[in-house]
PDB file of N, CA and C in Angstrom:
ATOM      1  N   UNK A   1     -10.807  -2.787 -11.620  1.00  0.00           N
ATOM      2  CA  UNK A   1     -10.477  -2.626 -10.226  1.00  0.00           C
ATOM      3  C   UNK A   1     -11.346  -1.496  -9.658  1.00  0.00           C
ATOM      4  N   UNK A   2     -12.092  -1.827  -8.642  1.00  0.00           N
ATOM      5  CA  UNK A   2     -13.000  -0.823  -8.078  1.00  0.00           C
ATOM      6  C   UNK A   2     -12.266   0.106  -7.109  1.00  0.00           C
ATOM      7  N   UNK A   3     -12.990   1.064  -6.597  1.00  0.00           N
ATOM      8  CA  UNK A   3     -12.396   2.111  -5.752  1.00  0.00           C
ATOM      9  C   UNK A   3     -11.809   1.544  -4.457  1.00  0.00           C
ATOM     10  N   UNK A   4     -12.506   0.607  -3.854  1.00  0.00           N
ATOM     11  CA  UNK A   4     -12.026   0.033  -2.593  1.00  0.00           C
ATOM     12  C   UNK A   4     -10.722  -0.727  -2.778  1.00  0.00           C
ATOM     13  N   UNK A   5     -10.616  -1.498  -3.849  1.00  0.00           N
ATOM     14  CA  UNK A   5      -9.387  -2.251  -4.093  1.00  0.00           C
ATOM     15  C   UNK A   5      -8.226  -1.308  -4.402  1.00  0.00           C
ATOM     16  N   UNK A   6      -8.496  -0.226  -5.113  1.00  0.00           N
ATOM     17  CA  UNK A   6      -7.441   0.752  -5.385  1.00  0.00           C
ATOM     18  C   UNK A   6      -6.967   1.413  -4.101  1.00  0.00           C
ATOM     19  N   UNK A   7      -7.900   1.758  -3.211  1.00  0.00           N
ATOM     20  CA  UNK A   7      -7.514   2.351  -1.937  1.00  0.00           C
ATOM     21  C   UNK A   7      -6.731   1.365  -1.085  1.00  0.00           C
ATOM     22  N   UNK A   8      -7.130   0.093  -1.092  1.00  0.00           N
ATOM     23  CA  UNK A   8      -6.379  -0.923  -0.357  1.00  0.00           C
ATOM     24  C   UNK A   8      -4.956  -1.045  -0.888  1.00  0.00           C
ATOM     25  N   UNK A   9      -4.826  -1.065  -2.219  1.00  0.00           N
ATOM     26  CA  UNK A   9      -3.506  -1.160  -2.824  1.00  0.00           C
ATOM     27  C   UNK A   9      -2.662   0.066  -2.483  1.00  0.00           C
ATOM     28  N   UNK A  10      -3.268   1.231  -2.495  1.00  0.00           N
ATOM     29  CA  UNK A  10      -2.561   2.460  -2.153  1.00  0.00           C
ATOM     30  C   UNK A  10      -2.081   2.437  -0.704  1.00  0.00           C
ATOM     31  N   UNK A  11      -2.924   1.975   0.191  1.00  0.00           N
ATOM     32  CA  UNK A  11      -2.548   1.891   1.605  1.00  0.00           C
ATOM     33  C   UNK A  11      -1.388   0.911   1.786  1.00  0.00           C
ATOM     34  N   UNK A  12      -1.436  -0.217   1.134  1.00  0.00           N
ATOM     35  CA  UNK A  12      -0.368  -1.207   1.244  1.00  0.00           C
ATOM     36  C   UNK A  12       0.942  -0.651   0.703  1.00  0.00           C
ATOM     37  N   UNK A  13       0.889   0.003  -0.459  1.00  0.00           N
ATOM     38  CA  UNK A  13       2.110   0.566  -1.038  1.00  0.00           C
ATOM     39  C   UNK A  13       2.685   1.685  -0.174  1.00  0.00           C
ATOM     40  N   UNK A  14       1.822   2.501   0.407  1.00  0.00           N
ATOM     41  CA  UNK A  14       2.311   3.575   1.272  1.00  0.00           C
ATOM     42  C   UNK A  14       2.917   3.012   2.560  1.00  0.00           C
ATOM     43  N   UNK A  15       2.328   1.964   3.096  1.00  0.00           N
ATOM     44  CA  UNK A  15       2.883   1.355   4.301  1.00  0.00           C
ATOM     45  C   UNK A  15       4.243   0.720   4.014  1.00  0.00           C
ATOM     46  N   UNK A  16       4.381   0.068   2.863  1.00  0.00           N
ATOM     47  CA  UNK A  16       5.670  -0.523   2.490  1.00  0.00           C
ATOM     48  C   UNK A  16       6.722   0.558   2.296  1.00  0.00           C
ATOM     49  N   UNK A  17       6.349   1.648   1.642  1.00  0.00           N
ATOM     50  CA  UNK A  17       7.320   2.723   1.447  1.00  0.00           C
ATOM     51  C   UNK A  17       7.664   3.400   2.774  1.00  0.00           C
ATOM     52  N   UNK A  18       6.713   3.487   3.691  1.00  0.00           N
ATOM     53  CA  UNK A  18       7.010   4.050   5.019  1.00  0.00           C
ATOM     54  C   UNK A  18       8.003   3.164   5.761  1.00  0.00           C
ATOM     55  N   UNK A  19       7.819   1.851   5.688  1.00  0.00           N
ATOM     56  CA  UNK A  19       8.774   0.941   6.323  1.00  0.00           C
ATOM     57  C   UNK A  19      10.154   1.071   5.686  1.00  0.00           C
ATOM     58  N   UNK A  20      10.182   1.257   4.376  1.00  0.00           N
ATOM     59  CA  UNK A  20      11.457   1.478   3.691  1.00  0.00           C
ATOM     60  C   UNK A  20      12.131   2.757   4.147  1.00  0.00           C
ATOM     61  N   UNK A  21      11.355   3.802   4.355  1.00  0.00           N
ATOM     62  CA  UNK A  21      11.924   5.064   4.842  1.00  0.00           C
ATOM     63  C   UNK A  21      12.474   4.905   6.261  1.00  0.00           C
ATOM     64  N   UNK A  22      11.760   4.191   7.121  1.00  0.00           N
ATOM     65  CA  UNK A  22      12.262   3.948   8.465  1.00  0.00           C
ATOM     66  C   UNK A  22      13.551   3.121   8.421  1.00  0.00           C
ATOM     67  N   UNK A  23      13.596   2.116   7.548  1.00  0.00           N
ATOM     68  CA  UNK A  23      14.809   1.305   7.416  1.00  0.00           C
ATOM     69  C   UNK A  23      15.963   2.156   6.897  1.00  0.00           C
ATOM     70  N   UNK A  24      15.690   3.028   5.941  1.00  0.00           N
ATOM     71  CA  UNK A  24      16.723   3.924   5.413  1.00  0.00           C
ATOM     72  C   UNK A  24      17.265   4.827   6.512  1.00  0.00           C
ATOM     73  N   UNK A  25      16.378   5.337   7.349  1.00  0.00           N
ATOM     74  CA  UNK A  25      16.814   6.196   8.451  1.00  0.00           C
ATOM     75  C   UNK A  25      17.655   5.407   9.455  1.00  0.00           C
ATOM     76  N   UNK A  26      17.315   4.157   9.683  1.00  0.00           N
ATOM     77  CA  UNK A  26      18.051   3.346  10.659  1.00  0.00           C
ATOM     78  C   UNK A  26      19.412   2.911  10.119  1.00  0.00           C
ATOM     79  N   UNK A  27      19.475   2.525   8.859  1.00  0.00           N
ATOM     80  CA  UNK A  27      20.715   1.999   8.294  1.00  0.00           C
ATOM     81  C   UNK A  27      21.732   3.103   8.046  1.00  0.00           C
ATOM     82  N   UNK A  28      21.288   4.194   7.450  1.00  0.00           N
ATOM     83  CA  UNK A  28      22.224   5.256   7.079  1.00  0.00           C
ATOM     84  C   UNK A  28      22.317   6.368   8.117  1.00  0.00           C
ATOM     85  N   UNK A  29      21.692   6.204   9.250  1.00  0.00           N
ATOM     86  CA  UNK A  29      21.707   7.161  10.354  1.00  0.00           C
ATOM     87  C   UNK A  29      21.364   8.568   9.845  1.00  0.00           C
ATOM     88  N   UNK A  30      20.317   8.657   9.052  1.00  0.00           N
ATOM     89  CA  UNK A  30      19.754   9.933   8.604  1.00  0.00           C
ATOM     90  C   UNK A  30      18.454  10.107   9.366  1.00  0.00           C
ATOM     91  N   UNK A  31      18.485  10.677  10.533  1.00  0.00           N
ATOM     92  CA  UNK A  31      17.330  10.575  11.421  1.00  0.00           C
ATOM     93  C   UNK A  31      16.065  11.264  10.951  1.00  0.00           C
ATOM     94  N   UNK A  32      16.133  12.495  10.478  1.00  0.00           N
ATOM     95  CA  UNK A  32      14.883  13.232  10.310  1.00  0.00           C
ATOM     96  C   UNK A  32      14.197  13.115   8.962  1.00  0.00           C
ATOM     97  N   UNK A  33      14.828  13.396   7.834  1.00  0.00           N
ATOM     98  CA  UNK A  33      14.036  13.413   6.583  1.00  0.00           C
ATOM     99  C   UNK A  33      13.331  12.102   6.251  1.00  0.00           C
ATOM    100  N   UNK A  34      14.021  10.951   6.262  1.00  0.00           N
ATOM    101  CA  UNK A  34      13.287   9.720   5.948  1.00  0.00           C
ATOM    102  C   UNK A  34      12.234   9.363   7.000  1.00  0.00           C
ATOM    103  N   UNK A  35      12.542   9.623   8.249  1.00  0.00           N
ATOM    104  CA  UNK A  35      11.586   9.273   9.310  1.00  0.00           C
ATOM    105  C   UNK A  35      10.331  10.130   9.203  1.00  0.00           C
ATOM    106  N   UNK A  36      10.501  11.420   8.932  1.00  0.00           N
ATOM    107  CA  UNK A  36       9.337  12.298   8.793  1.00  0.00           C
ATOM    108  C   UNK A  36       8.498  11.885   7.581  1.00  0.00           C
ATOM    109  N   UNK A  37       9.174  11.517   6.492  1.00  0.00           N
ATOM    110  CA  UNK A  37       8.447  11.054   5.304  1.00  0.00           C
ATOM    111  C   UNK A  37       7.693   9.768   5.604  1.00  0.00           C
ATOM    112  N   UNK A  38       8.322   8.856   6.324  1.00  0.00           N
ATOM    113  CA  UNK A  38       7.655   7.605   6.699  1.00  0.00           C
ATOM    114  C   UNK A  38       6.431   7.853   7.556  1.00  0.00           C
ATOM    115  N   UNK A  39       6.547   8.760   8.514  1.00  0.00           N
ATOM    116  CA  UNK A  39       5.400   9.096   9.366  1.00  0.00           C
ATOM    117  C   UNK A  39       4.296   9.736   8.529  1.00  0.00           C
ATOM    118  N   UNK A  40       4.677  10.597   7.602  1.00  0.00           N
ATOM    119  CA  UNK A  40       3.681  11.220   6.717  1.00  0.00           C
ATOM    120  C   UNK A  40       2.946  10.187   5.876  1.00  0.00           C
ATOM    121  N   UNK A  41       3.687   9.205   5.364  1.00  0.00           N
ATOM    122  CA  UNK A  41       3.046   8.149   4.581  1.00  0.00           C
ATOM    123  C   UNK A  41       2.085   7.337   5.435  1.00  0.00           C
ATOM    124  N   UNK A  42       2.470   7.041   6.679  1.00  0.00           N
ATOM    125  CA  UNK A  42       1.582   6.284   7.558  1.00  0.00           C
ATOM    126  C   UNK A  42       0.324   7.075   7.893  1.00  0.00           C
ATOM    127  N   UNK A  43       0.464   8.376   8.120  1.00  0.00           N
ATOM    128  CA  UNK A  43      -0.703   9.209   8.408  1.00  0.00           C
ATOM    129  C   UNK A  43      -1.616   9.282   7.187  1.00  0.00           C
ATOM    130  N   UNK A  44      -1.029   9.423   6.002  1.00  0.00           N
ATOM    131  CA  UNK A  44      -1.837   9.461   4.776  1.00  0.00           C
ATOM    132  C   UNK A  44      -2.539   8.120   4.552  1.00  0.00           C
ATOM    133  N   UNK A  45      -1.842   7.020   4.797  1.00  0.00           N
ATOM    134  CA  UNK A  45      -2.457   5.699   4.644  1.00  0.00           C
ATOM    135  C   UNK A  45      -3.612   5.527   5.626  1.00  0.00           C
ATOM    136  N   UNK A  46      -3.434   6.003   6.858  1.00  0.00           N
ATOM    137  CA  UNK A  46      -4.508   5.957   7.844  1.00  0.00           C
ATOM    138  C   UNK A  46      -5.695   6.786   7.374  1.00  0.00           C
ATOM    139  N   UNK A  47      -5.428   7.942   6.794  1.00  0.00           N
ATOM    140  CA  UNK A  47      -6.506   8.788   6.268  1.00  0.00           C
ATOM    141  C   UNK A  47      -7.263   8.107   5.136  1.00  0.00           C
ATOM    142  N   UNK A  48      -6.536   7.412   4.260  1.00  0.00           N
ATOM    143  CA  UNK A  48      -7.211   6.689   3.181  1.00  0.00           C
ATOM    144  C   UNK A  48      -8.072   5.559   3.724  1.00  0.00           C
ATOM    145  N   UNK A  49      -7.613   4.912   4.795  1.00  0.00           N
ATOM    146  CA  UNK A  49      -8.430   3.868   5.417  1.00  0.00           C
ATOM    147  C   UNK A  49      -9.719   4.458   5.982  1.00  0.00           C
ATOM    148  N   UNK A  50      -9.619   5.641   6.596  1.00  0.00           N
ATOM    149  CA  UNK A  50     -10.821   6.301   7.108  1.00  0.00           C
ATOM    150  C   UNK A  50     -11.762   6.689   5.972  1.00  0.00           C
ATOM    151  N   UNK A  51     -11.190   7.151   4.859  1.00  0.00           N
ATOM    152  CA  UNK A  51     -12.005   7.488   3.692  1.00  0.00           C
ATOM    153  C   UNK A  51     -12.753   6.264   3.181  1.00  0.00           C
ATOM    154  N   UNK A  52     -12.058   5.138   3.159  1.00  0.00           N
ATOM    155  CA  UNK A  52     -12.668   3.912   2.658  1.00  0.00           C
ATOM    156  C   UNK A  52     -13.822   3.465   3.552  1.00  0.00           C
ATOM    157  N   UNK A  53     -13.679   3.638   4.858  1.00  0.00           N
ATOM    158  CA  UNK A  53     -14.705   3.176   5.788  1.00  0.00           C
ATOM    159  C   UNK A  53     -15.945   4.052   5.762  1.00  0.00           C
ATOM    160  N   UNK A  54     -15.795   5.316   5.395  1.00  0.00           N
ATOM    161  CA  UNK A  54     -16.964   6.203   5.420  1.00  0.00           C
ATOM    162  C   UNK A  54     -17.734   6.154   4.122  1.00  0.00           C
TER     163      UNK A  54
END
């Protein structure tokens, strides 16, 4: 598995976990910790996408 495929897999896994964190925040009405973690995962995934493109 080359570097690009690993980065793609990492981005997909981080996006799925971010969606899970948002769902956790919505279902259990825990507004801040899961939501902040989800946003952090999305920002990190976006950063990895930028790394891959450069």
